[in-house]
Amino acid sequence: MNWLMRVSVVTFIISLGAWALIAVWTIVDVNDLLLTWQRIAVVLAVVSGLAMLALLVYRAWDQLGR
């Protein structure tokens, strides 16, 4: 469980960083390519964020059951 949480946190931080970098870097005229990668980064951030939330809820539920 701990390794999955670590992977989710790392993926979340990297994907948000990539999204922010792409969002700020609009000087280059390759908007279609940037939008594609920005969408991928946002999807990864959302999925890893949901995974973290699910793991936290599972851990809290497990602690309450004891």
Protein backbone atom coordinates (compact mmCIF):
# COMPACT_ATOMS: atom_id res chain seq x y z
CA MET A 1 0.00 0.00 0.00
CA ASN A 2 2.81 2.42 0.83
CA TRP A 3 4.49 2.02 -2.55
CA LEU A 4 1.20 2.73 -4.33
CA MET A 5 0.73 5.89 -2.30
CA ARG A 6 4.28 7.02 -3.09
CA VAL A 7 3.77 6.35 -6.81
CA SER A 8 0.50 8.29 -6.74
CA VAL A 9 2.08 11.26 -5.00
CA VAL A 10 5.06 11.34 -7.37
CA THR A 11 2.82 11.02 -10.42
CA PHE A 12 0.54 13.76 -9.10
CA ILE A 13 3.42 16.17 -8.51
CA ILE A 14 5.12 15.43 -11.84
CA SER A 15 1.92 15.76 -13.84
CA LEU A 16 0.96 19.02 -12.14
CA GLY A 17 4.48 20.32 -12.75
CA ALA A 18 4.28 19.32 -16.41
CA TRP A 19 0.87 20.95 -16.73
CA ALA A 20 2.15 24.18 -15.17
CA LEU A 21 5.25 24.19 -17.38
CA ILE A 22 3.18 23.69 -20.52
CA ALA A 23 0.60 26.26 -19.42
CA VAL A 24 3.30 28.90 -18.89
CA TRP A 25 5.30 27.99 -22.01
CA THR A 26 2.98 29.36 -24.69
CA ILE A 27 5.62 31.28 -26.64
CA VAL A 28 6.36 28.35 -28.98
CA ASP A 29 3.91 27.99 -31.87
CA VAL A 30 3.08 24.30 -31.47
CA ASN A 31 -0.21 24.75 -29.67
CA ASP A 32 -1.79 21.46 -30.78
CA LEU A 33 1.11 19.40 -29.48
CA LEU A 34 1.21 21.37 -26.23
CA LEU A 35 -2.53 20.99 -25.71
CA THR A 36 -2.25 17.24 -26.18
CA TRP A 37 0.52 16.93 -23.59
CA GLN A 38 -1.30 19.33 -21.28
CA ARG A 39 -4.42 17.16 -21.45
CA ILE A 40 -2.35 14.05 -20.70
CA ALA A 41 -0.76 15.79 -17.69
CA VAL A 42 -4.15 16.88 -16.36
CA VAL A 43 -5.60 13.39 -16.77
CA LEU A 44 -2.61 11.89 -14.94
CA ALA A 45 -2.99 14.45 -12.15
CA VAL A 46 -6.69 13.70 -11.77
CA VAL A 47 -6.24 9.92 -11.81
CA SER A 48 -3.33 9.93 -9.37
CA GLY A 49 -5.18 12.40 -7.13
CA LEU A 50 -8.21 10.11 -7.07
CA ALA A 51 -5.95 7.15 -6.30
CA MET A 52 -4.44 9.06 -3.37
CA LEU A 53 -7.90 9.99 -2.12
CA ALA A 54 -9.10 6.40 -2.40
CA LEU A 55 -6.04 5.14 -0.51
CA LEU A 56 -6.54 7.72 2.24
CA VAL A 57 -10.21 6.80 2.60
CA TYR A 58 -9.32 3.10 2.67
CA ARG A 59 -6.65 3.71 5.33
CA ALA A 60 -9.05 5.79 7.45
CA TRP A 61 -11.77 3.14 7.12
CA ASP A 62 -9.27 0.47 8.12
CA GLN A 63 -8.20 2.47 11.18
CA LEU A 64 -11.82 3.04 12.23
CA GLY A 65 -12.51 -0.69 12.00
CA ARG A 66 -9.84 -1.51 14.57
